[in-house]
Amino acid sequence: MMNVRKPQVAGMFYPSDPESLKEQLDNFLSDIGTDESINRVAGLVVPHAGYVYSGKTAAFGYKTIENKDFENVIVISPSHREYFRGISVYSGDAYETPLGKIPINIDLREKMISESQIIYAGTEGHKYEHALEVQLPFLQTVLNEFHLIPLVIGDQRREFIFELANVLANTIDNKTLLIASSDLSHFYTRDQALILDNRVAESINGYKYEQLQSDLENKRCEACGGGGIVAIMKALNLRNYSRAKVIAHTDSGEVTGDNSEVVGYLSAVIYN
């Protein structure tokens, strides 16, 4: 029997009905034009709030890979519900959403584990985590068949993030897409949030992952999945990518109308 991680936040963060979910995703994507200057996308940074809040922002990122041919997608998520040391890659056979099952690339999983002292197969961080799950219906909509490597970071300290980057650089190929799932600052006024979030955006646009890591450590900005952003930027830089661009940046106040306590979101691409 297959060991399948069932959807945990369907009906909360996104629709549980397949038709409603597909309709919402199609509406998000149909409203966005194609930027012909962005090609050879190898990495995405996308938010992970409920679709009503950040789905449109995430769609800007996913639009850039629509109908592209990726064999593997590595989604890197922070752990919101539990702390654990290192980085957990799901030990089962597949992740499931209302749109169907996505198989895990077992061989790539084992290769990554063999290259690292901190990456291991387990269920820690996977049981209830939303930040990874909400990316999957988007991927099932914009891509054809692909295999998944779902990673959840339990401890975002510098040495773990940089080791992850090195492992990624050594194990991926040109048919692999890297995704960092992250929101930005939480519950500041819009003016305060813009100051913090623009710092993240500037580091991404300038391809300054060392600066971003330092800013996160020193509380000069906030991103709950900041470690994943740093990891994919460094990994792809080691593979000769050096261009990144924030293509959408907003916050929850645009939906709620409340600018006194907002959550920041952005989508960004890493490409050549």
C-alpha atoms as a PDB file:
ATOM      1  CA  MET A   1       0.000   0.000   0.000  1.00  0.00           C
ATOM      2  CA  MET A   2       1.124   3.540  -0.753  1.00  0.00           C
ATOM      3  CA  ASN A   3       1.912   5.824   2.166  1.00  0.00           C
ATOM      4  CA  VAL A   4       0.163   9.046   1.167  1.00  0.00           C
ATOM      5  CA  ARG A   5       0.132  12.350   3.004  1.00  0.00           C
ATOM      6  CA  LYS A   6      -3.514  13.450   2.830  1.00  0.00           C
ATOM      7  CA  PRO A   7      -4.542  17.112   2.496  1.00  0.00           C
ATOM      8  CA  GLN A   8      -4.835  18.849   5.863  1.00  0.00           C
ATOM      9  CA  VAL A   9      -5.906  22.400   5.006  1.00  0.00           C
ATOM     10  CA  ALA A  10      -8.273  21.835   2.071  1.00  0.00           C
ATOM     11  CA  GLY A  11     -11.494  23.651   2.894  1.00  0.00           C
ATOM     12  CA  MET A  12      -9.579  26.165   5.030  1.00  0.00           C
ATOM     13  CA  PHE A  13      -6.691  27.604   3.028  1.00  0.00           C
ATOM     14  CA  TYR A  14      -8.151  26.629  -0.346  1.00  0.00           C
ATOM     15  CA  PRO A  15     -11.326  24.926  -1.626  1.00  0.00           C
ATOM     16  CA  SER A  16     -11.734  21.219  -0.914  1.00  0.00           C
ATOM     17  CA  ASP A  17     -13.998  20.677  -3.913  1.00  0.00           C
ATOM     18  CA  PRO A  18     -11.829  19.882  -6.971  1.00  0.00           C
ATOM     19  CA  GLU A  19     -13.976  21.841  -9.417  1.00  0.00           C
ATOM     20  CA  SER A  20     -14.120  24.929  -7.198  1.00  0.00           C
ATOM     21  CA  LEU A  21     -10.386  24.705  -6.581  1.00  0.00           C
ATOM     22  CA  LYS A  22      -9.589  24.397 -10.273  1.00  0.00           C
ATOM     23  CA  GLU A  23     -11.891  27.301 -11.096  1.00  0.00           C
ATOM     24  CA  GLN A  24     -10.244  29.538  -8.510  1.00  0.00           C
ATOM     25  CA  LEU A  25      -6.744  28.680  -9.725  1.00  0.00           C
ATOM     26  CA  ASP A  26      -7.712  29.201 -13.368  1.00  0.00           C
ATOM     27  CA  ASN A  27      -9.182  32.608 -12.486  1.00  0.00           C
ATOM     28  CA  PHE A  28      -5.995  33.647 -10.698  1.00  0.00           C
ATOM     29  CA  LEU A  29      -3.801  32.612 -13.614  1.00  0.00           C
ATOM     30  CA  SER A  30      -6.012  33.918 -16.422  1.00  0.00           C
ATOM     31  CA  ASP A  31      -5.775  37.471 -15.109  1.00  0.00           C
ATOM     32  CA  ILE A  32      -1.976  37.536 -15.468  1.00  0.00           C
ATOM     33  CA  GLY A  33      -0.070  38.220 -18.673  1.00  0.00           C
ATOM     34  CA  THR A  34       3.126  36.457 -19.677  1.00  0.00           C
ATOM     35  CA  ASP A  35       6.423  38.315 -19.217  1.00  0.00           C
ATOM     36  CA  GLU A  36       8.537  37.314 -22.221  1.00  0.00           C
ATOM     37  CA  SER A  37      11.696  38.707 -20.586  1.00  0.00           C
ATOM     38  CA  ILE A  38      11.572  35.968 -17.938  1.00  0.00           C
ATOM     39  CA  ASN A  39      12.686  32.598 -19.236  1.00  0.00           C
ATOM     40  CA  ARG A  40      14.622  29.574 -18.028  1.00  0.00           C
ATOM     41  CA  VAL A  41      13.032  29.864 -14.605  1.00  0.00           C
ATOM     42  CA  ALA A  42      14.744  27.579 -12.078  1.00  0.00           C
ATOM     43  CA  GLY A  43      13.389  28.905  -8.781  1.00  0.00           C
ATOM     44  CA  LEU A  44      10.305  30.542  -7.303  1.00  0.00           C
ATOM     45  CA  VAL A  45       9.559  32.332  -4.047  1.00  0.00           C
ATOM     46  CA  VAL A  46       5.818  32.229  -3.341  1.00  0.00           C
ATOM     47  CA  PRO A  47       3.568  33.001  -0.349  1.00  0.00           C
ATOM     48  CA  HIS A  48       1.537  30.464   1.598  1.00  0.00           C
ATOM     49  CA  ALA A  49      -1.449  32.179   3.204  1.00  0.00           C
ATOM     50  CA  GLY A  50      -5.024  31.250   2.387  1.00  0.00           C
ATOM     51  CA  TYR A  51      -5.719  31.688  -1.304  1.00  0.00           C
ATOM     52  CA  VAL A  52      -8.151  34.538  -0.652  1.00  0.00           C
ATOM     53  CA  TYR A  53      -5.238  36.531   0.794  1.00  0.00           C
ATOM     54  CA  SER A  54      -2.156  35.488  -1.169  1.00  0.00           C
ATOM     55  CA  GLY A  55      -3.359  33.280  -4.014  1.00  0.00           C
ATOM     56  CA  LYS A  56      -3.234  36.078  -6.579  1.00  0.00           C
ATOM     57  CA  THR A  57       0.299  37.002  -5.536  1.00  0.00           C
ATOM     58  CA  ALA A  58       1.396  33.355  -5.767  1.00  0.00           C
ATOM     59  CA  ALA A  59      -0.187  33.090  -9.221  1.00  0.00           C
ATOM     60  CA  PHE A  60       2.278  35.649 -10.593  1.00  0.00           C
ATOM     61  CA  GLY A  61       5.101  33.255  -9.792  1.00  0.00           C
ATOM     62  CA  TYR A  62       3.340  30.154 -11.063  1.00  0.00           C
ATOM     63  CA  LYS A  63       2.357  31.870 -14.305  1.00  0.00           C
ATOM     64  CA  THR A  64       6.063  32.003 -15.263  1.00  0.00           C
ATOM     65  CA  ILE A  65       6.303  28.188 -15.299  1.00  0.00           C
ATOM     66  CA  GLU A  66       2.964  27.454 -16.923  1.00  0.00           C
ATOM     67  CA  ASN A  67       3.262  24.467 -19.286  1.00  0.00           C
ATOM     68  CA  LYS A  68       7.003  24.170 -18.670  1.00  0.00           C
ATOM     69  CA  ASP A  69       8.635  20.761 -18.597  1.00  0.00           C
ATOM     70  CA  PHE A  70       9.947  19.963 -15.110  1.00  0.00           C
ATOM     71  CA  GLU A  71      10.533  16.375 -14.053  1.00  0.00           C
ATOM     72  CA  ASN A  72      11.037  17.196 -10.368  1.00  0.00           C
ATOM     73  CA  VAL A  73       9.860  20.000  -8.083  1.00  0.00           C
ATOM     74  CA  ILE A  74      11.503  20.563  -4.699  1.00  0.00           C
ATOM     75  CA  VAL A  75       9.235  22.568  -2.390  1.00  0.00           C
ATOM     76  CA  ILE A  76      10.932  23.971   0.715  1.00  0.00           C
ATOM     77  CA  SER A  77       8.697  24.987   3.605  1.00  0.00           C
ATOM     78  CA  PRO A  78       9.233  26.337   7.109  1.00  0.00           C
ATOM     79  CA  SER A  79       7.726  24.391  10.003  1.00  0.00           C
ATOM     80  CA  HIS A  80       5.019  26.438  11.689  1.00  0.00           C
ATOM     81  CA  ARG A  81       3.693  23.828  14.129  1.00  0.00           C
ATOM     82  CA  GLU A  82       6.697  21.950  15.478  1.00  0.00           C
ATOM     83  CA  TYR A  83      10.395  22.427  16.076  1.00  0.00           C
ATOM     84  CA  PHE A  84      12.863  19.742  15.105  1.00  0.00           C
ATOM     85  CA  ARG A  85      16.529  19.726  14.310  1.00  0.00           C
ATOM     86  CA  GLY A  86      17.509  19.663  10.668  1.00  0.00           C
ATOM     87  CA  ILE A  87      15.393  19.220   7.547  1.00  0.00           C
ATOM     88  CA  SER A  88      12.715  16.583   7.047  1.00  0.00           C
ATOM     89  CA  VAL A  89      11.917  15.146   3.624  1.00  0.00           C
ATOM     90  CA  TYR A  90       8.652  13.241   3.603  1.00  0.00           C
ATOM     91  CA  SER A  91       9.265   9.514   4.057  1.00  0.00           C
ATOM     92  CA  GLY A  92       6.107   8.378   2.263  1.00  0.00           C
ATOM     93  CA  ASP A  93       5.243   7.743  -1.359  1.00  0.00           C
ATOM     94  CA  ALA A  94       3.066  10.704  -2.323  1.00  0.00           C
ATOM     95  CA  TYR A  95       1.331  13.922  -1.290  1.00  0.00           C
ATOM     96  CA  GLU A  96      -2.354  14.268  -2.104  1.00  0.00           C
ATOM     97  CA  THR A  97      -4.571  17.297  -2.792  1.00  0.00           C
ATOM     98  CA  PRO A  98      -8.171  17.470  -4.061  1.00  0.00           C
ATOM     99  CA  LEU A  99      -6.626  17.464  -7.567  1.00  0.00           C
ATOM    100  CA  GLY A 100      -4.938  14.100  -7.081  1.00  0.00           C
ATOM    101  CA  LYS A 101      -1.731  12.465  -5.869  1.00  0.00           C
ATOM    102  CA  ILE A 102       1.802  13.693  -6.568  1.00  0.00           C
ATOM    103  CA  PRO A 103       4.432  10.942  -6.380  1.00  0.00           C
ATOM    104  CA  ILE A 104       7.638  11.438  -4.419  1.00  0.00           C
ATOM    105  CA  ASN A 105      10.918  10.933  -6.278  1.00  0.00           C
ATOM    106  CA  ILE A 106      12.334   8.238  -4.005  1.00  0.00           C
ATOM    107  CA  ASP A 107      15.720   8.051  -5.752  1.00  0.00           C
ATOM    108  CA  LEU A 108      16.291  11.806  -5.515  1.00  0.00           C
ATOM    109  CA  ARG A 109      15.189  11.774  -1.887  1.00  0.00           C
ATOM    110  CA  GLU A 110      17.744   9.085  -1.057  1.00  0.00           C
ATOM    111  CA  LYS A 111      20.457  10.912  -2.965  1.00  0.00           C
ATOM    112  CA  MET A 112      19.846  14.119  -1.014  1.00  0.00           C
ATOM    113  CA  ILE A 113      19.879  12.246   2.285  1.00  0.00           C
ATOM    114  CA  SER A 114      23.152  10.533   1.397  1.00  0.00           C
ATOM    115  CA  GLU A 115      24.750  13.921   0.673  1.00  0.00           C
ATOM    116  CA  SER A 116      23.802  15.474   4.021  1.00  0.00           C
ATOM    117  CA  GLN A 117      24.108  15.127   7.778  1.00  0.00           C
ATOM    118  CA  ILE A 118      20.964  17.200   8.407  1.00  0.00           C
ATOM    119  CA  ILE A 119      18.435  16.001   5.807  1.00  0.00           C
ATOM    120  CA  TYR A 120      16.540  12.871   6.752  1.00  0.00           C
ATOM    121  CA  ALA A 121      13.376  10.991   5.777  1.00  0.00           C
ATOM    122  CA  GLY A 122      10.531  11.408   8.247  1.00  0.00           C
ATOM    123  CA  THR A 123       7.120  12.890   8.904  1.00  0.00           C
ATOM    124  CA  GLU A 124       8.253  15.706  11.197  1.00  0.00           C
ATOM    125  CA  GLY A 125       6.890  18.966   9.843  1.00  0.00           C
ATOM    126  CA  HIS A 126       4.696  17.214   7.286  1.00  0.00           C
ATOM    127  CA  LYS A 127       1.719  16.060   9.316  1.00  0.00           C
ATOM    128  CA  TYR A 128      -0.184  19.346   9.489  1.00  0.00           C
ATOM    129  CA  GLU A 129       2.001  21.944   7.733  1.00  0.00           C
ATOM    130  CA  HIS A 130       0.101  24.266   5.408  1.00  0.00           C
ATOM    131  CA  ALA A 131       3.010  26.174   3.851  1.00  0.00           C
ATOM    132  CA  LEU A 132       4.040  23.235   1.697  1.00  0.00           C
ATOM    133  CA  GLU A 133       0.585  21.905   0.931  1.00  0.00           C
ATOM    134  CA  VAL A 134      -0.868  25.136  -0.473  1.00  0.00           C
ATOM    135  CA  GLN A 135       1.756  25.191  -3.239  1.00  0.00           C
ATOM    136  CA  LEU A 136       0.745  21.820  -4.647  1.00  0.00           C
ATOM    137  CA  PRO A 137      -2.605  22.629  -6.328  1.00  0.00           C
ATOM    138  CA  PHE A 138      -0.873  25.478  -8.164  1.00  0.00           C
ATOM    139  CA  LEU A 139       1.803  23.068  -9.387  1.00  0.00           C
ATOM    140  CA  GLN A 140      -0.802  20.513 -10.445  1.00  0.00           C
ATOM    141  CA  THR A 141      -2.523  23.237 -12.470  1.00  0.00           C
ATOM    142  CA  VAL A 142       0.428  24.800 -14.305  1.00  0.00           C
ATOM    143  CA  LEU A 143       2.596  21.707 -14.893  1.00  0.00           C
ATOM    144  CA  ASN A 144       2.099  18.341 -16.488  1.00  0.00           C
ATOM    145  CA  GLU A 145       3.272  15.234 -14.659  1.00  0.00           C
ATOM    146  CA  PHE A 146       6.128  15.723 -12.211  1.00  0.00           C
ATOM    147  CA  HIS A 147       7.669  14.199  -9.113  1.00  0.00           C
ATOM    148  CA  LEU A 148       7.844  15.989  -5.776  1.00  0.00           C
ATOM    149  CA  ILE A 149      10.495  16.373  -3.109  1.00  0.00           C
ATOM    150  CA  PRO A 150       8.760  17.989  -0.095  1.00  0.00           C
ATOM    151  CA  LEU A 151      11.224  19.492   2.404  1.00  0.00           C
ATOM    152  CA  VAL A 152      10.293  21.081   5.732  1.00  0.00           C
ATOM    153  CA  ILE A 153      12.969  22.997   7.637  1.00  0.00           C
ATOM    154  CA  GLY A 154      12.714  22.512  11.386  1.00  0.00           C
ATOM    155  CA  ASP A 155      15.664  24.743  12.276  1.00  0.00           C
ATOM    156  CA  GLN A 156      16.633  27.655  10.026  1.00  0.00           C
ATOM    157  CA  ARG A 157      20.056  28.327  11.481  1.00  0.00           C
ATOM    158  CA  ARG A 158      22.699  29.463   8.992  1.00  0.00           C
ATOM    159  CA  GLU A 159      24.735  26.242   8.882  1.00  0.00           C
ATOM    160  CA  PHE A 160      21.658  24.158   8.098  1.00  0.00           C
ATOM    161  CA  ILE A 161      20.482  26.517   5.364  1.00  0.00           C
ATOM    162  CA  PHE A 162      23.872  26.690   3.676  1.00  0.00           C
ATOM    163  CA  GLU A 163      24.316  22.917   3.818  1.00  0.00           C
ATOM    164  CA  LEU A 164      20.892  22.522   2.240  1.00  0.00           C
ATOM    165  CA  ALA A 165      21.960  24.905  -0.523  1.00  0.00           C
ATOM    166  CA  ASN A 166      25.079  22.860  -1.216  1.00  0.00           C
ATOM    167  CA  VAL A 167      23.117  19.605  -1.307  1.00  0.00           C
ATOM    168  CA  LEU A 168      20.581  21.101  -3.708  1.00  0.00           C
ATOM    169  CA  ALA A 169      23.308  22.402  -5.985  1.00  0.00           C
ATOM    170  CA  ASN A 170      24.955  18.966  -6.082  1.00  0.00           C
ATOM    171  CA  THR A 171      21.821  16.913  -6.712  1.00  0.00           C
ATOM    172  CA  ILE A 172      19.482  18.859  -9.011  1.00  0.00           C
ATOM    173  CA  ASP A 173      19.544  19.144 -12.784  1.00  0.00           C
ATOM    174  CA  ASN A 174      18.012  21.473 -15.366  1.00  0.00           C
ATOM    175  CA  LYS A 175      14.711  19.602 -15.184  1.00  0.00           C
ATOM    176  CA  THR A 176      14.298  20.439 -11.482  1.00  0.00           C
ATOM    177  CA  LEU A 177      12.396  23.454 -10.119  1.00  0.00           C
ATOM    178  CA  LEU A 178      13.125  24.850  -6.654  1.00  0.00           C
ATOM    179  CA  ILE A 179      10.347  26.563  -4.681  1.00  0.00           C
ATOM    180  CA  ALA A 180      10.699  28.474  -1.416  1.00  0.00           C
ATOM    181  CA  SER A 181       7.384  28.916   0.392  1.00  0.00           C
ATOM    182  CA  SER A 182       7.389  32.070   2.521  1.00  0.00           C
ATOM    183  CA  ASP A 183       5.282  34.933   3.757  1.00  0.00           C
ATOM    184  CA  LEU A 184       6.915  38.162   4.933  1.00  0.00           C
ATOM    185  CA  SER A 185       6.373  40.339   8.008  1.00  0.00           C
ATOM    186  CA  HIS A 186       3.386  39.711  10.251  1.00  0.00           C
ATOM    187  CA  PHE A 187       1.008  42.133  11.995  1.00  0.00           C
ATOM    188  CA  TYR A 188       2.711  45.483  11.528  1.00  0.00           C
ATOM    189  CA  THR A 189       1.066  48.557  10.096  1.00  0.00           C
ATOM    190  CA  ARG A 190       1.305  48.717   6.315  1.00  0.00           C
ATOM    191  CA  ASP A 191       3.941  51.461   6.497  1.00  0.00           C
ATOM    192  CA  GLN A 192       6.065  49.431   8.920  1.00  0.00           C
ATOM    193  CA  ALA A 193       5.590  46.265   6.892  1.00  0.00           C
ATOM    194  CA  LEU A 194       6.726  47.973   3.712  1.00  0.00           C
ATOM    195  CA  ILE A 195      10.023  48.955   5.311  1.00  0.00           C
ATOM    196  CA  LEU A 196      10.695  45.397   6.472  1.00  0.00           C
ATOM    197  CA  ASP A 197       9.395  43.668   3.355  1.00  0.00           C
ATOM    198  CA  ASN A 198      11.162  45.975   0.909  1.00  0.00           C
ATOM    199  CA  ARG A 199      14.424  44.897   2.509  1.00  0.00           C
ATOM    200  CA  VAL A 200      13.658  41.282   1.571  1.00  0.00           C
ATOM    201  CA  ALA A 201      12.677  42.351  -1.938  1.00  0.00           C
ATOM    202  CA  GLU A 202      15.871  44.359  -2.370  1.00  0.00           C
ATOM    203  CA  SER A 203      18.014  41.377  -1.371  1.00  0.00           C
ATOM    204  CA  ILE A 204      16.180  39.151  -3.833  1.00  0.00           C
ATOM    205  CA  ASN A 205      16.381  41.648  -6.693  1.00  0.00           C
ATOM    206  CA  GLY A 206      20.084  42.210  -6.001  1.00  0.00           C
ATOM    207  CA  TYR A 207      20.729  38.466  -5.620  1.00  0.00           C
ATOM    208  CA  LYS A 208      22.202  39.128  -2.183  1.00  0.00           C
ATOM    209  CA  TYR A 209      21.399  35.948  -0.294  1.00  0.00           C
ATOM    210  CA  GLU A 210      24.202  36.497   2.217  1.00  0.00           C
ATOM    211  CA  GLN A 211      22.725  39.904   2.999  1.00  0.00           C
ATOM    212  CA  LEU A 212      19.252  38.399   3.345  1.00  0.00           C
ATOM    213  CA  GLN A 213      20.521  35.741   5.745  1.00  0.00           C
ATOM    214  CA  SER A 214      22.262  38.389   7.832  1.00  0.00           C
ATOM    215  CA  ASP A 215      19.182  40.628   7.855  1.00  0.00           C
ATOM    216  CA  LEU A 216      16.983  37.752   8.983  1.00  0.00           C
ATOM    217  CA  GLU A 217      19.394  36.852  11.774  1.00  0.00           C
ATOM    218  CA  ASN A 218      19.609  40.451  12.944  1.00  0.00           C
ATOM    219  CA  LYS A 219      15.844  41.095  12.744  1.00  0.00           C
ATOM    220  CA  ARG A 220      16.171  43.752  10.061  1.00  0.00           C
ATOM    221  CA  CYS A 221      13.438  41.972   8.124  1.00  0.00           C
ATOM    222  CA  GLU A 222      11.072  39.031   8.530  1.00  0.00           C
ATOM    223  CA  ALA A 223      10.208  36.023   6.381  1.00  0.00           C
ATOM    224  CA  CYS A 224       8.964  32.834   8.001  1.00  0.00           C
ATOM    225  CA  GLY A 225      10.430  30.837   5.117  1.00  0.00           C
ATOM    226  CA  GLY A 226      13.506  33.018   4.774  1.00  0.00           C
ATOM    227  CA  GLY A 227      15.828  30.061   5.124  1.00  0.00           C
ATOM    228  CA  GLY A 228      14.282  28.456   2.075  1.00  0.00           C
ATOM    229  CA  ILE A 229      14.686  31.652   0.071  1.00  0.00           C
ATOM    230  CA  VAL A 230      18.374  31.855   0.992  1.00  0.00           C
ATOM    231  CA  ALA A 231      18.865  28.163   0.226  1.00  0.00           C
ATOM    232  CA  ILE A 232      17.439  28.244  -3.291  1.00  0.00           C
ATOM    233  CA  MET A 233      19.237  31.491  -4.153  1.00  0.00           C
ATOM    234  CA  LYS A 234      22.575  30.098  -3.020  1.00  0.00           C
ATOM    235  CA  ALA A 235      21.975  26.699  -4.649  1.00  0.00           C
ATOM    236  CA  LEU A 236      21.098  28.209  -8.005  1.00  0.00           C
ATOM    237  CA  ASN A 237      23.955  30.685  -7.785  1.00  0.00           C
ATOM    238  CA  LEU A 238      26.286  27.694  -7.421  1.00  0.00           C
ATOM    239  CA  ARG A 239      24.732  26.459 -10.670  1.00  0.00           C
ATOM    240  CA  ASN A 240      25.498  29.789 -12.399  1.00  0.00           C
ATOM    241  CA  TYR A 241      22.174  31.533 -11.945  1.00  0.00           C
ATOM    242  CA  SER A 242      22.508  35.161 -10.953  1.00  0.00           C
ATOM    243  CA  ARG A 243      19.233  36.871 -11.846  1.00  0.00           C
ATOM    244  CA  ALA A 244      16.230  37.205  -9.550  1.00  0.00           C
ATOM    245  CA  LYS A 245      13.206  39.461  -9.763  1.00  0.00           C
ATOM    246  CA  VAL A 246      10.282  40.227  -7.483  1.00  0.00           C
ATOM    247  CA  ILE A 247       7.253  40.217  -9.776  1.00  0.00           C
ATOM    248  CA  ALA A 248       4.452  40.787  -7.248  1.00  0.00           C
ATOM    249  CA  HIS A 249       4.415  42.322  -3.766  1.00  0.00           C
ATOM    250  CA  THR A 250       1.349  42.991  -1.651  1.00  0.00           C
ATOM    251  CA  ASP A 251      -0.153  42.426   1.793  1.00  0.00           C
ATOM    252  CA  SER A 252      -3.307  41.178   3.461  1.00  0.00           C
ATOM    253  CA  GLY A 253      -4.676  44.695   3.883  1.00  0.00           C
ATOM    254  CA  GLU A 254      -5.542  44.800   0.183  1.00  0.00           C
ATOM    255  CA  VAL A 255      -8.121  42.077   0.864  1.00  0.00           C
ATOM    256  CA  THR A 256      -9.268  42.898   4.401  1.00  0.00           C
ATOM    257  CA  GLY A 257      -9.131  46.674   4.138  1.00  0.00           C
ATOM    258  CA  ASP A 258      -7.358  46.734   7.515  1.00  0.00           C
ATOM    259  CA  ASN A 259      -3.930  48.349   7.207  1.00  0.00           C
ATOM    260  CA  SER A 260      -3.217  48.395  10.945  1.00  0.00           C
ATOM    261  CA  GLU A 261      -1.982  44.779  11.085  1.00  0.00           C
ATOM    262  CA  VAL A 262      -0.965  43.260   7.771  1.00  0.00           C
ATOM    263  CA  VAL A 263       0.903  40.197   6.551  1.00  0.00           C
ATOM    264  CA  GLY A 264       3.286  40.725   3.635  1.00  0.00           C
ATOM    265  CA  TYR A 265       3.480  38.565   0.503  1.00  0.00           C
ATOM    266  CA  LEU A 266       5.651  38.472  -2.594  1.00  0.00           C
ATOM    267  CA  SER A 267       6.365  36.303  -5.594  1.00  0.00           C
ATOM    268  CA  ALA A 268       9.825  36.199  -7.149  1.00  0.00           C
ATOM    269  CA  VAL A 269      11.601  34.252  -9.870  1.00  0.00           C
ATOM    270  CA  ILE A 270      15.189  33.086 -10.247  1.00  0.00           C
ATOM    271  CA  TYR A 271      16.038  32.710 -13.895  1.00  0.00           C
ATOM    272  CA  ASN A 272      18.553  33.125 -16.710  1.00  0.00           C
END
